[in-house]
Amino acid sequence: MLQVIILAAGKGTRMKSKSAKVLHTLCNKPMIEYVIEESLKLTNSVDVVLNHQFEKVKEIVEKYPVNIIKQDLENYPGTGGAVKEVPIKGDKVFILNGDMPLIEADELKKFLDIDADIVMSVMKLNNPDGYGRVVIENGNVKKIVEQKDATEDELKIPYVNAGVYLFKKEVLEKYLPKLSNQNAQNEYYLTDIIEMAVNDSLKVAAIEVNEENFKGVNSKLDLAKAEEIMCKRIKENWMKNGVIMHLPDTIFIDAYSSFEGECEIGSGCVIKKSVIIESEIRPLSVIEEAVIKNSGIGPMARIRPKSELVDTHIGNFVEVKASKLKGVKAGHLSYLGDSEIDEGTNVGAGTITCNYDGKNKYKTKIGKNVFIGSDSQLIAPVTIEDDVMIAAGSTVNKDIKKGSLAISRAPLKIVKDFYYKFFGRNN
């Protein structure tokens, strides 16, 4: 059996954030979730070691079928201390880090093809300055040396520790009890197991891994670079599955959104936690937690959470929030919040559903084939039945029955020659 242990207990002080490092998001999803999901593709035996902001991180992690362990940092600090507290169940045990959201199961499977007591990941860097070096002979690790302790020849070595290990069960059982915290940091280090295993002539194989996939996130700069990579992967996946994207580098699609049928996404769009079905999202539109089906959105439209649009046209500068629209046209410059609007209805420019009275929010219900003139205000709660016309510039504050015309305007007053009197000019 294969076991995966994910180390996610650290504070991540270099992130300079109040949030635990592993809770920072890439494409709207906490980075720890990516690591867990890839681990579960390998085995159903996954242990996650937590400590910093334990309850907050646990709330995210416990959504998955994994075992959660709280690290005793007071007595067993460090990476080795974390593993000391995990029951070793697997014949082989992966040690992963919770701050490696770009890691992929397919690359981890390559570790399993190597016959060794320990398989250690290494990266070849063009500029390894600042990293400890891994000394490799004939594919096997001979030692790990910190840069400050490296000889001139060792400093020329391009290989550094990527931080992922595959141990045989008996190796961990033998060496974990021997780990010591007698060092400057008073911590237990997994790398000490490598040193002990090499000294005992065990086979420690080095596997060169893709730097992009094994990139750790230690700062907000790292986070931004990792998110760029993840976002690109997400978009490439959807384009391979038939989604048309214009200037995809300008588009943001999060990890929770999905597409069905042939969809088209314009440049500069932002799509979060939404389902897009056979629709066109035109340039510079924002879609959040919505379902869009067989519709055209934008350009420059905003669809906010809890909205469902079917067979609907939403034009530029239209905002929709918590509304269900079916077969509706709203061409421009409108706000439709907390509303239900049925098919055949046309919403004129400048229409607003006034859904909030300062304390509570109320619904606006609009039936079929309603024509709403420009610059109308619909003061909720209000129901407008089928086949109604609302004159431009009207304020509607009561229910309108089927087939009616609603008009609310002050009479137009015209003062002759007022312009000339005001400016003191002759006509």
Protein backbone atom coordinates (compact mmCIF):
# COMPACT_ATOMS: atom_id res chain seq x y z
CA MET A 1 0.00 0.00 0.00
CA LEU A 2 1.12 3.55 -0.75
CA GLN A 3 0.79 6.24 1.89
CA VAL A 4 1.08 10.01 1.39
CA ILE A 5 1.97 12.40 4.20
CA ILE A 6 1.41 16.10 3.48
CA LEU A 7 3.30 18.56 5.68
CA ALA A 8 1.20 21.71 6.21
CA ALA A 9 1.90 22.84 9.77
CA GLY A 10 4.19 25.81 9.17
CA LYS A 11 3.42 29.49 9.68
CA GLY A 12 4.86 30.63 6.35
CA THR A 13 6.29 33.83 7.81
CA ARG A 14 7.77 34.85 4.45
CA MET A 15 4.23 35.26 3.11
CA LYS A 16 3.85 38.22 5.50
CA SER A 17 0.19 37.43 5.96
CA LYS A 18 -2.31 36.85 8.76
CA SER A 19 -3.55 33.76 6.90
CA ALA A 20 -1.84 30.39 7.05
CA LYS A 21 0.30 29.90 3.97
CA VAL A 22 -1.57 26.83 2.72
CA LEU A 23 -4.87 28.76 2.77
CA HIS A 24 -3.67 31.26 0.19
CA THR A 25 -5.45 30.65 -3.09
CA LEU A 26 -4.53 29.95 -6.68
CA CYS A 27 -7.41 30.55 -9.08
CA ASN A 28 -9.74 30.90 -6.08
CA LYS A 29 -8.81 27.51 -4.53
CA PRO A 30 -6.61 27.13 -1.41
CA MET A 31 -3.24 25.67 -2.37
CA ILE A 32 -3.54 22.79 0.11
CA GLU A 33 -6.55 21.49 -1.85
CA TYR A 34 -4.50 21.00 -5.00
CA VAL A 35 -1.93 18.90 -3.13
CA ILE A 36 -4.63 16.78 -1.48
CA GLU A 37 -6.48 16.18 -4.76
CA GLU A 38 -3.32 15.03 -6.55
CA SER A 39 -2.42 12.78 -3.59
CA LEU A 40 -5.84 11.12 -3.68
CA LYS A 41 -5.22 10.20 -7.31
CA LEU A 42 -2.37 8.00 -6.02
CA THR A 43 -3.86 6.43 -2.89
CA ASN A 44 -6.74 6.60 -0.44
CA SER A 45 -4.27 6.67 2.48
CA VAL A 46 -3.45 10.36 2.92
CA ASP A 47 -2.35 12.03 6.15
CA VAL A 48 -2.22 15.82 6.51
CA VAL A 49 -0.13 17.33 9.32
CA LEU A 50 -1.36 20.71 10.55
CA ASN A 51 -0.63 23.16 13.34
CA HIS A 52 -0.66 26.88 12.48
CA GLN A 53 -4.28 28.14 12.42
CA PHE A 54 -5.29 24.53 12.95
CA GLU A 55 -9.07 25.03 13.01
CA LYS A 56 -9.17 27.24 9.90
CA VAL A 57 -7.01 24.86 7.86
CA LYS A 58 -8.86 21.83 9.21
CA GLU A 59 -12.15 23.30 7.98
CA ILE A 60 -10.78 23.17 4.41
CA VAL A 61 -8.94 19.85 4.69
CA GLU A 62 -11.73 17.84 6.34
CA LYS A 63 -13.83 18.11 3.17
CA TYR A 64 -11.57 15.37 1.81
CA PRO A 65 -11.26 11.71 2.92
CA VAL A 66 -7.92 12.22 4.69
CA ASN A 67 -6.53 11.74 8.18
CA ILE A 68 -5.73 15.01 10.00
CA ILE A 69 -2.92 15.15 12.56
CA LYS A 70 -1.96 18.12 14.71
CA GLN A 71 1.81 18.47 15.01
CA ASP A 72 3.24 18.95 18.51
CA LEU A 73 5.54 21.84 17.64
CA GLU A 74 6.65 22.31 21.22
CA ASN A 75 8.14 18.82 21.49
CA TYR A 76 8.58 17.78 17.86
CA PRO A 77 9.25 20.80 15.64
CA GLY A 78 10.54 20.57 12.07
CA THR A 79 9.80 18.35 9.09
CA GLY A 80 11.15 15.27 10.82
CA GLY A 81 9.11 16.06 13.92
CA ALA A 82 5.96 16.22 11.80
CA VAL A 83 6.52 12.76 10.33
CA LYS A 84 7.40 11.34 13.76
CA GLU A 85 3.77 11.79 14.81
CA VAL A 86 2.21 10.03 11.82
CA PRO A 87 1.51 6.27 12.04
CA ILE A 88 3.43 4.63 9.19
CA LYS A 89 0.95 2.39 7.37
CA GLY A 90 2.19 2.13 3.81
CA ASP A 91 4.86 -0.12 2.35
CA LYS A 92 6.05 3.05 0.61
CA VAL A 93 5.51 6.55 1.97
CA PHE A 94 5.50 9.82 0.02
CA ILE A 95 6.38 12.98 1.92
CA LEU A 96 4.90 16.05 0.21
CA ASN A 97 4.62 19.71 1.17
CA GLY A 98 1.34 21.59 1.41
CA ASP A 99 2.84 24.63 -0.31
CA MET A 100 3.44 22.84 -3.63
CA PRO A 101 0.11 23.43 -5.42
CA LEU A 102 1.52 22.79 -8.90
CA ILE A 103 2.55 19.21 -8.19
CA GLU A 104 0.90 16.55 -10.38
CA ALA A 105 0.12 12.91 -9.68
CA ASP A 106 1.50 11.75 -13.04
CA GLU A 107 4.96 13.03 -12.17
CA LEU A 108 4.83 11.51 -8.68
CA LYS A 109 4.06 8.11 -10.24
CA LYS A 110 7.55 8.14 -11.76
CA PHE A 111 9.01 7.82 -8.25
CA LEU A 112 7.28 4.45 -7.89
CA ASP A 113 9.16 3.01 -10.87
CA ILE A 114 12.52 3.39 -9.13
CA ASP A 115 13.83 0.57 -6.97
CA ALA A 116 15.54 2.27 -4.03
CA ASP A 117 15.28 2.60 -0.27
CA ILE A 118 14.68 6.32 -0.70
CA VAL A 119 13.79 8.27 -3.84
CA MET A 120 14.63 11.94 -3.47
CA SER A 121 13.49 14.70 -5.82
CA VAL A 122 16.09 17.11 -7.18
CA MET A 123 15.82 20.13 -9.47
CA LYS A 124 18.47 21.35 -11.86
CA LEU A 125 18.71 25.13 -11.63
CA ASN A 126 20.58 27.51 -13.88
CA ASN A 127 21.29 29.61 -10.83
CA PRO A 128 21.26 27.50 -7.64
CA ASP A 129 22.70 30.32 -5.51
CA GLY A 130 21.18 30.28 -2.03
CA TYR A 131 20.20 26.61 -2.13
CA GLY A 132 21.85 23.59 -0.58
CA ARG A 133 23.43 21.30 -3.17
CA VAL A 134 22.75 17.61 -3.73
CA VAL A 135 25.86 15.60 -4.54
CA ILE A 136 24.91 12.79 -6.94
CA GLU A 137 27.05 9.90 -8.23
CA ASN A 138 25.68 7.40 -10.77
CA GLY A 139 22.13 8.52 -10.06
CA ASN A 140 22.45 8.07 -6.30
CA VAL A 141 22.59 10.76 -3.64
CA LYS A 142 25.85 10.88 -1.74
CA LYS A 143 25.15 13.89 0.44
CA ILE A 144 23.27 17.15 0.84
CA VAL A 145 25.49 20.12 1.60
CA GLU A 146 24.41 23.60 2.64
CA GLN A 147 25.76 26.40 0.48
CA LYS A 148 27.76 27.91 3.34
CA ASP A 149 29.48 24.54 3.88
CA ALA A 150 30.04 23.72 0.19
CA THR A 151 33.47 23.50 -1.41
CA GLU A 152 34.28 25.41 -4.58
CA ASP A 153 33.55 22.31 -6.68
CA GLU A 154 30.30 21.62 -4.81
CA LEU A 155 29.10 25.17 -5.46
CA LYS A 156 29.23 24.36 -9.19
CA ILE A 157 26.65 21.60 -8.73
CA PRO A 158 23.30 22.66 -10.30
CA TYR A 159 21.17 20.14 -8.39
CA VAL A 160 19.13 21.22 -5.35
CA ASN A 161 16.68 19.45 -3.07
CA ALA A 162 13.07 19.74 -4.38
CA GLY A 163 11.63 18.62 -1.02
CA VAL A 164 9.64 15.52 -2.01
CA TYR A 165 10.66 12.03 -0.87
CA LEU A 166 9.50 8.45 -1.28
CA PHE A 167 10.61 6.20 1.60
CA LYS A 168 10.31 2.50 2.12
CA LYS A 169 8.40 1.80 5.33
CA GLU A 170 11.32 0.09 7.05
CA VAL A 171 13.59 3.08 6.39
CA LEU A 172 11.27 5.44 8.26
CA GLU A 173 10.73 2.93 11.05
CA LYS A 174 14.49 2.59 11.51
CA TYR A 175 15.60 6.21 11.27
CA LEU A 176 12.71 8.34 12.58
CA PRO A 177 13.45 7.31 16.20
CA LYS A 178 17.11 8.25 15.64
CA LEU A 179 16.39 11.82 14.55
CA SER A 180 17.86 14.44 16.84
CA ASN A 181 17.09 18.12 17.31
CA GLN A 182 20.61 18.95 18.44
CA ASN A 183 21.13 21.74 15.92
CA ALA A 184 20.96 25.52 15.73
CA GLN A 185 17.18 25.52 15.18
CA ASN A 186 16.43 22.76 17.71
CA GLU A 187 14.31 21.03 15.05
CA TYR A 188 14.05 17.51 13.65
CA TYR A 189 14.97 17.41 9.95
CA LEU A 190 13.96 14.80 7.36
CA THR A 191 17.21 15.47 5.51
CA ASP A 192 19.07 13.89 8.44
CA ILE A 193 17.47 10.58 7.44
CA ILE A 194 19.08 10.94 4.01
CA GLU A 195 22.48 11.39 5.64
CA MET A 196 22.03 8.39 7.94
CA ALA A 197 20.81 6.19 5.08
CA VAL A 198 23.78 7.12 2.88
CA ASN A 199 26.18 6.43 5.76
CA ASP A 200 24.62 2.99 6.15
CA SER A 201 25.05 2.31 2.40
CA LEU A 202 21.34 2.31 1.62
CA LYS A 203 20.32 3.20 -1.91
CA VAL A 204 19.14 6.81 -2.11
CA ALA A 205 18.14 7.46 -5.72
CA ALA A 206 17.86 10.97 -7.16
CA ILE A 207 15.04 11.75 -9.57
CA GLU A 208 15.17 14.98 -11.52
CA VAL A 209 11.80 16.72 -11.50
CA ASN A 210 10.16 19.57 -13.36
CA GLU A 211 10.88 22.83 -11.55
CA GLU A 212 7.48 24.23 -12.52
CA ASN A 213 5.55 21.35 -10.95
CA PHE A 214 7.61 21.21 -7.77
CA LYS A 215 7.72 24.95 -7.26
CA GLY A 216 7.13 25.83 -3.62
CA VAL A 217 5.20 28.96 -2.66
CA ASN A 218 7.04 30.94 0.01
CA SER A 219 6.10 34.53 -0.79
CA LYS A 220 3.34 36.49 -2.46
CA LEU A 221 5.60 36.79 -5.51
CA ASP A 222 5.83 32.99 -5.65
CA LEU A 223 2.04 32.85 -5.23
CA ALA A 224 1.45 35.18 -8.18
CA LYS A 225 3.79 33.18 -10.41
CA ALA A 226 2.20 29.89 -9.37
CA GLU A 227 -1.30 31.24 -9.99
CA GLU A 228 -0.29 32.32 -13.48
CA ILE A 229 0.83 28.76 -14.21
CA MET A 230 -2.29 27.21 -12.69
CA CYS A 231 -4.61 29.59 -14.54
CA LYS A 232 -2.89 28.71 -17.81
CA ARG A 233 -3.39 24.99 -17.11
CA ILE A 234 -7.09 25.53 -16.40
CA LYS A 235 -7.66 27.50 -19.60
CA GLU A 236 -5.66 25.07 -21.74
CA ASN A 237 -7.79 22.22 -20.40
CA TRP A 238 -11.05 23.97 -21.32
CA MET A 239 -9.78 25.01 -24.75
CA LYS A 240 -8.85 21.38 -25.44
CA ASN A 241 -12.43 20.54 -24.53
CA GLY A 242 -13.89 22.96 -27.09
CA VAL A 243 -14.12 26.37 -25.42
CA ILE A 244 -13.13 29.31 -27.65
CA MET A 245 -11.03 31.94 -25.87
CA HIS A 246 -9.90 35.24 -27.37
CA LEU A 247 -6.53 36.41 -26.04
CA PRO A 248 -6.57 33.76 -23.29
CA ASP A 249 -3.68 35.37 -21.40
CA THR A 250 -6.08 38.21 -20.49
CA ILE A 251 -8.82 35.89 -19.17
CA PHE A 252 -9.17 34.68 -15.56
CA ILE A 253 -11.04 31.42 -14.97
CA ASP A 254 -10.96 29.93 -11.50
CA ALA A 255 -10.59 26.29 -10.48
CA TYR A 256 -14.30 25.83 -9.73
CA SER A 257 -15.85 27.05 -13.00
CA SER A 258 -17.02 24.68 -15.72
CA PHE A 259 -18.17 24.82 -19.32
CA GLU A 260 -20.60 22.67 -21.28
CA GLY A 261 -21.11 22.67 -25.03
CA GLU A 262 -19.49 25.20 -27.34
CA CYS A 263 -18.79 28.37 -25.39
CA GLU A 264 -16.94 31.51 -26.37
CA ILE A 265 -15.06 33.76 -23.94
CA GLY A 266 -13.92 37.26 -24.90
CA SER A 267 -10.73 38.96 -23.80
CA GLY A 268 -10.45 40.39 -20.31
CA CYS A 269 -13.23 38.29 -18.78
CA VAL A 270 -13.28 37.05 -15.17
CA ILE A 271 -15.23 33.87 -14.40
CA LYS A 272 -15.47 32.50 -10.84
CA LYS A 273 -17.40 29.52 -9.47
CA SER A 274 -19.77 29.53 -12.44
CA VAL A 275 -21.31 27.11 -14.92
CA ILE A 276 -21.34 28.32 -18.52
CA ILE A 277 -23.47 26.29 -20.94
CA GLU A 278 -23.39 26.98 -24.69
CA SER A 279 -23.01 30.72 -24.13
CA GLU A 280 -20.91 33.67 -25.24
CA ILE A 281 -19.25 35.81 -22.58
CA ARG A 282 -18.17 38.97 -24.36
CA PRO A 283 -15.07 41.06 -23.51
CA LEU A 284 -14.46 42.54 -20.06
CA SER A 285 -17.41 40.82 -18.38
CA VAL A 286 -17.35 39.43 -14.83
CA ILE A 287 -19.31 36.29 -13.89
CA GLU A 288 -19.41 35.16 -10.24
CA GLU A 289 -21.19 32.09 -8.83
CA ALA A 290 -23.76 32.05 -11.62
CA VAL A 291 -25.28 29.66 -14.15
CA ILE A 292 -25.39 30.97 -17.74
CA LYS A 293 -27.18 28.85 -20.36
CA ASN A 294 -27.62 29.58 -24.05
CA SER A 295 -27.11 33.29 -23.43
CA GLY A 296 -24.96 36.23 -24.48
CA ILE A 297 -23.34 38.34 -21.77
CA GLY A 298 -21.62 41.69 -22.21
CA PRO A 299 -19.42 43.29 -23.23
CA MET A 300 -18.63 44.91 -19.87
CA ALA A 301 -21.43 43.22 -17.93
CA ARG A 302 -21.39 41.89 -14.38
CA ILE A 303 -23.31 38.81 -13.25
CA ARG A 304 -23.13 38.46 -9.49
CA PRO A 305 -23.74 35.43 -7.22
CA LYS A 306 -26.98 33.41 -7.15
CA SER A 307 -27.96 34.40 -10.68
CA GLU A 308 -29.34 32.03 -13.30
CA LEU A 309 -29.71 33.24 -16.88
CA VAL A 310 -31.29 31.15 -19.65
CA ASP A 311 -31.83 32.23 -23.28
CA THR A 312 -31.05 35.77 -22.22
CA HIS A 313 -29.18 38.74 -23.67
CA ILE A 314 -27.32 40.98 -21.21
CA GLY A 315 -25.58 43.99 -22.75
CA ASN A 316 -22.91 46.43 -21.69
CA PHE A 317 -22.98 47.97 -18.20
CA VAL A 318 -25.77 45.71 -16.99
CA GLU A 319 -25.46 44.23 -13.49
CA VAL A 320 -27.49 41.21 -12.38
CA LYS A 321 -27.53 39.91 -8.80
CA ALA A 322 -29.40 36.97 -7.22
CA SER A 323 -31.86 36.88 -10.12
CA LYS A 324 -33.46 34.36 -12.45
CA LEU A 325 -33.87 35.55 -16.03
CA LYS A 326 -35.39 33.46 -18.81
CA GLY A 327 -35.65 34.76 -22.35
CA VAL A 328 -34.94 38.35 -21.30
CA LYS A 329 -33.26 41.24 -23.11
CA ALA A 330 -31.46 43.91 -21.09
CA GLY A 331 -29.28 45.78 -23.54
CA HIS A 332 -27.49 48.34 -21.42
CA LEU A 333 -27.11 50.40 -18.26
CA SER A 334 -29.40 48.50 -15.88
CA TYR A 335 -29.35 46.93 -12.40
CA LEU A 336 -31.46 43.82 -11.88
CA GLY A 337 -31.17 42.57 -8.30
CA ASP A 338 -33.26 39.98 -6.42
CA SER A 339 -35.58 39.58 -9.38
CA GLU A 340 -37.40 36.95 -11.41
CA ILE A 341 -38.05 37.94 -15.02
CA ASP A 342 -39.80 35.72 -17.56
CA GLU A 343 -39.44 35.27 -21.31
CA GLY A 344 -40.16 37.90 -23.91
CA THR A 345 -39.49 40.78 -21.53
CA ASN A 346 -37.42 43.76 -22.66
CA VAL A 347 -35.63 45.87 -20.03
CA GLY A 348 -34.92 49.41 -21.18
CA ALA A 349 -31.72 51.33 -20.50
CA GLY A 350 -31.40 52.78 -17.04
CA THR A 351 -33.92 50.40 -15.42
CA ILE A 352 -33.32 49.64 -11.75
CA THR A 353 -34.95 47.13 -9.44
CA CYS A 354 -34.86 49.00 -6.12
CA ASN A 355 -34.43 45.93 -3.93
CA TYR A 356 -32.99 47.38 -0.69
CA ASP A 357 -34.67 49.73 1.79
CA GLY A 358 -31.65 50.15 4.05
CA LYS A 359 -32.58 47.20 6.24
CA ASN A 360 -34.01 44.41 4.10
CA LYS A 361 -33.95 43.20 0.50
CA TYR A 362 -37.10 42.45 -1.47
CA LYS A 363 -38.02 40.67 -4.70
CA THR A 364 -39.21 42.04 -8.00
CA LYS A 365 -41.27 39.58 -10.09
CA ILE A 366 -41.83 40.36 -13.76
CA GLY A 367 -43.91 38.16 -16.05
CA LYS A 368 -43.81 37.40 -19.78
CA ASN A 369 -43.74 39.90 -22.63
CA VAL A 370 -43.29 42.94 -20.42
CA PHE A 371 -41.88 46.10 -21.99
CA ILE A 372 -40.05 48.30 -19.50
CA GLY A 373 -39.26 51.77 -20.81
CA SER A 374 -35.92 53.46 -20.20
CA ASP A 375 -35.06 55.05 -16.86
CA SER A 376 -37.71 53.17 -14.89
CA GLN A 377 -37.47 52.33 -11.20
CA LEU A 378 -39.25 49.24 -9.88
CA ILE A 379 -39.56 49.52 -6.10
CA ALA A 380 -39.65 46.07 -4.51
CA PRO A 381 -41.53 44.16 -3.36
CA VAL A 382 -43.52 44.42 -6.56
CA THR A 383 -45.11 42.05 -9.08
CA ILE A 384 -45.63 42.95 -12.72
CA GLU A 385 -47.85 40.46 -14.52
CA ASP A 386 -47.66 39.34 -18.18
CA ASP A 387 -48.18 41.65 -21.17
CA VAL A 388 -47.53 44.91 -19.33
CA MET A 389 -46.02 48.12 -20.70
CA ILE A 390 -44.19 50.50 -18.38
CA ALA A 391 -43.66 53.97 -19.79
CA ALA A 392 -40.16 55.43 -19.84
CA GLY A 393 -39.22 57.38 -16.72
CA SER A 394 -41.81 55.68 -14.50
CA THR A 395 -41.50 54.83 -10.83
CA VAL A 396 -43.49 51.67 -10.10
CA ASN A 397 -44.33 51.07 -6.45
CA LYS A 398 -47.40 48.84 -6.71
CA ASP A 399 -48.34 45.61 -8.48
CA ILE A 400 -49.38 45.90 -12.15
CA LYS A 401 -52.09 43.64 -13.55
CA LYS A 402 -51.89 41.77 -16.85
CA GLY A 403 -52.31 43.80 -20.04
CA SER A 404 -51.93 47.21 -18.35
CA LEU A 405 -49.94 50.34 -19.11
CA ALA A 406 -48.11 51.80 -16.12
CA ILE A 407 -47.09 55.43 -16.36
CA SER A 408 -45.79 57.66 -13.61
CA ARG A 409 -44.61 61.12 -14.69
CA ALA A 410 -45.05 64.70 -13.57
CA PRO A 411 -46.69 66.79 -16.33
CA LEU A 412 -44.20 68.52 -18.59
CA LYS A 413 -44.13 72.27 -17.92
CA ILE A 414 -42.76 74.62 -20.60
CA VAL A 415 -41.86 78.23 -19.77
CA LYS A 416 -41.65 80.25 -22.95
CA ASP A 417 -38.48 82.34 -23.51
CA PHE A 418 -37.00 81.31 -20.11
CA TYR A 419 -33.55 80.82 -21.66
CA TYR A 420 -33.33 84.43 -22.75
CA LYS A 421 -34.62 85.76 -19.42
CA PHE A 422 -32.17 83.59 -17.44
CA PHE A 423 -29.11 84.68 -19.38
CA GLY A 424 -30.36 88.21 -19.99
CA ARG A 425 -30.24 87.88 -23.75
CA ASN A 426 -32.68 88.92 -26.47
CA ASN A 427 -34.20 86.24 -28.65
